[in-house]
Structure formats: C-alpha cells, structure tokens
Protein backbone atom coordinates (compact mmCIF):
# COMPACT_ATOMS: atom_id res chain seq x y z
CA MET A 1 94.24 78.50 103.79
CA LYS A 2 97.48 79.78 102.22
CA VAL A 3 95.55 81.69 99.52
CA ARG A 4 93.28 83.24 102.17
CA ARG A 5 96.28 84.50 104.16
CA ALA A 6 97.86 85.92 101.00
CA HIS A 7 94.54 87.57 100.11
CA ASN A 8 94.17 89.16 103.54
CA LYS A 9 97.77 90.38 103.56
CA LEU A 10 97.43 91.97 100.10
CA GLN A 11 94.03 93.43 101.01
CA ASN A 12 95.43 95.02 104.17
CA HIS A 13 98.39 96.52 102.28
CA VAL A 14 96.14 98.00 99.59
CA TYR A 15 93.71 99.30 102.21
CA GLU A 16 96.53 101.00 104.14
CA TYR A 17 97.92 102.48 100.91
CA LEU A 18 94.54 103.91 99.89
CA CYS A 19 93.94 105.31 103.40
CA ARG A 20 97.30 107.11 103.28
CA LYS A 21 96.58 108.46 99.80
CA TYR A 22 92.87 109.42 100.14
CA GLY A 23 92.13 109.43 103.88
CA LYS A 24 90.54 106.75 106.08
CA ASP A 25 87.10 108.32 105.78
CA LYS A 26 87.12 107.61 102.02
CA VAL A 27 88.09 103.91 102.21
CA ASP A 28 86.07 100.92 103.43
CA MET A 29 87.17 97.31 103.70
CA GLU A 30 84.77 94.34 103.49
CA LYS A 31 81.93 96.73 102.66
CA LYS A 32 78.42 95.40 102.09
CA VAL A 33 76.88 96.96 99.00
CA GLY A 34 73.79 96.60 96.86
CA LEU A 35 70.19 97.01 97.86
CA LYS A 36 68.62 93.68 97.04
CA TYR A 37 71.74 91.60 96.47
CA ARG A 38 73.98 92.18 99.47
CA LYS A 39 77.56 91.70 98.28
CA ILE A 40 80.77 92.23 100.19
CA ILE A 41 83.39 94.26 98.36
CA ASP A 42 87.05 93.76 99.34
CA ILE A 43 87.73 97.51 99.31
CA ARG A 44 85.61 100.52 98.37
CA LEU A 45 86.99 104.00 97.68
CA THR A 46 84.51 106.89 97.70
CA GLN A 47 85.67 110.03 95.93
CA GLU A 48 83.94 113.21 94.77
CA GLY A 49 82.12 112.14 91.61
CA TYR A 50 82.90 108.42 91.64
CA VAL A 51 83.11 105.20 93.64
CA GLN A 52 85.73 102.53 92.96
CA TYR A 53 85.57 98.89 94.01
CA PHE A 54 88.75 96.86 94.39
CA GLU A 55 88.60 93.08 94.12
CA ILE A 56 91.75 91.53 95.57
CA LYS A 57 93.24 88.37 94.06
CA PRO A 58 96.58 87.11 95.40
CA TYR A 59 97.62 84.92 92.46
CA ASN A 60 101.02 85.20 90.79
CA SER A 61 99.42 85.27 87.35
CA VAL A 62 97.51 88.26 85.98
CA LYS A 63 95.37 85.87 83.95
CA SER A 64 94.40 83.94 87.10
CA CYS A 65 93.59 87.16 88.98
CA ILE A 66 91.35 88.37 86.16
CA ARG A 67 89.67 84.98 85.71
CA GLU A 68 88.80 84.75 89.41
CA ALA A 69 87.65 88.37 89.79
CA LEU A 70 85.87 89.17 86.54
CA GLY A 71 82.50 87.59 87.36
CA GLN A 72 82.47 89.17 90.81
CA ILE A 73 83.19 92.71 89.68
CA ILE A 74 80.73 92.55 86.81
CA GLU A 75 78.09 91.41 89.28
CA TYR A 76 79.00 94.25 91.66
CA GLY A 77 78.60 96.74 88.83
CA TRP A 78 75.31 95.31 87.62
CA PHE A 79 73.58 95.11 91.00
CA GLU A 80 74.92 98.37 92.43
CA PRO A 81 72.31 100.99 93.35
CA ASP A 82 71.46 103.50 90.65
CA ASN A 83 72.59 106.42 92.79
CA ILE A 84 76.22 105.73 91.87
CA ARG A 85 76.67 107.44 88.53
CA ASP A 86 80.35 106.71 88.04
CA LEU A 87 81.33 103.26 89.32
CA ARG A 88 84.88 102.12 88.62
CA LEU A 89 86.00 98.54 89.05
CA ALA A 90 89.53 97.32 89.71
CA ILE A 91 91.18 93.93 90.01
CA VAL A 92 94.26 94.05 92.23
CA GLY A 93 96.95 91.39 92.24
CA PRO A 94 100.66 91.08 92.89
CA ALA A 95 101.57 90.17 89.31
CA VAL A 96 102.71 92.62 86.64
CA PRO A 97 101.07 92.02 83.25
CA ASN A 98 103.09 91.06 80.21
CA LYS A 99 102.21 92.46 76.77
CA THR A 100 99.65 89.72 75.99
CA GLU A 101 97.93 90.19 79.35
CA LEU A 102 97.95 93.95 78.88
CA ASN A 103 96.21 93.53 75.52
CA TYR A 104 93.64 91.33 77.28
CA ILE A 105 93.04 94.05 79.92
CA ILE A 106 92.56 96.64 77.18
CA PHE A 107 90.17 94.29 75.35
CA LEU A 108 88.10 93.90 78.53
CA ARG A 109 88.03 97.66 79.16
CA ASN A 110 86.81 98.26 75.61
CA SER A 111 84.28 95.40 75.60
CA LEU A 112 82.48 95.83 78.91
CA VAL A 113 80.04 98.51 80.01
CA PHE A 114 81.87 99.05 83.31
CA PRO A 115 85.36 100.56 83.28
CA ILE A 116 87.68 97.83 84.55
CA GLN A 117 91.31 98.23 85.53
CA TYR A 118 94.06 95.85 86.55
CA LEU A 119 96.35 97.16 89.28
CA SER A 120 99.52 95.58 90.55
CA PHE A 121 100.52 96.19 94.16
CA LYS A 122 104.28 96.13 94.64
CA ARG A 123 106.44 97.63 97.36
CA GLU A 124 103.77 99.87 98.83
CA ASN A 125 102.70 101.16 95.40
CA LEU A 126 99.58 100.59 93.34
CA ILE A 127 100.42 100.56 89.64
CA VAL A 128 97.60 100.93 87.09
CA TYR A 129 97.87 99.06 83.79
CA ASN A 130 95.54 100.46 81.13
CA GLU A 131 97.63 100.87 78.01
CA ILE A 132 100.54 99.35 76.18
C-alpha cells in the first residue's frame, strides 16, 4: 500500500510537470494502448513526430526502478501499433543514478531496439540521464 501511494504521488507530479511543459492536450495518464494487447501506460506524451511512454517506479534505487520497469516498457514497445514510427520509452524514479548505474543505463540504450531513458524527478524537475 505504501509503494502504491508513493507511485501515485510521483505519477501525479510527473503528469503535472509534463502538462505544464507540453500542454494538457499532449499528456495522458493511465492510457490504454495497443491493439490486441491492451496495456495501461502510466503516462503518455504525444508530440509532433514521436510518442513517449513513461513508466513510473517509486523506489529509492535506480537499479530497482529499472528492474521493475524494464519488462513492462519493452512489452509496450513491442506490442505498440505500427502507426507510431518514433516511440520513446522512459523509466521515471526519484533516485539519481551513480556512475555504475549510469553505465548500465547507457548499456541498455545501446543494446535494445527501443530508445530507453532513465529520468529522475526531483523538486518539480525531470532530469534525463543518458550519458556520463
């Protein structure tokens, strides 16, 4: 129950941040996606030329956030309709990656077909970690 509350709180903060940055009409929360395999995405951002899915994980460890989210976001990418040409996938957690975790994120980005990011949400800011 405690994890669920933390998840919902983080999800709401990220949703509000994205709505302020991109506009409410571009951001969906708890969005059902996929044609045959109906999945619910925590947050979806629709932009000109791309769609980005955000999987929220409230754990204090980057490694735990990635471990819990990785299977989900790969599945979202695989079963997404073909009409999305540029699908971007993001794991969002409260933790800031250390150097080892950052190397792991870079390894995942370079190893997987889908572009994956890790983002840390702190003090009303979404920080992207893609490079050392």
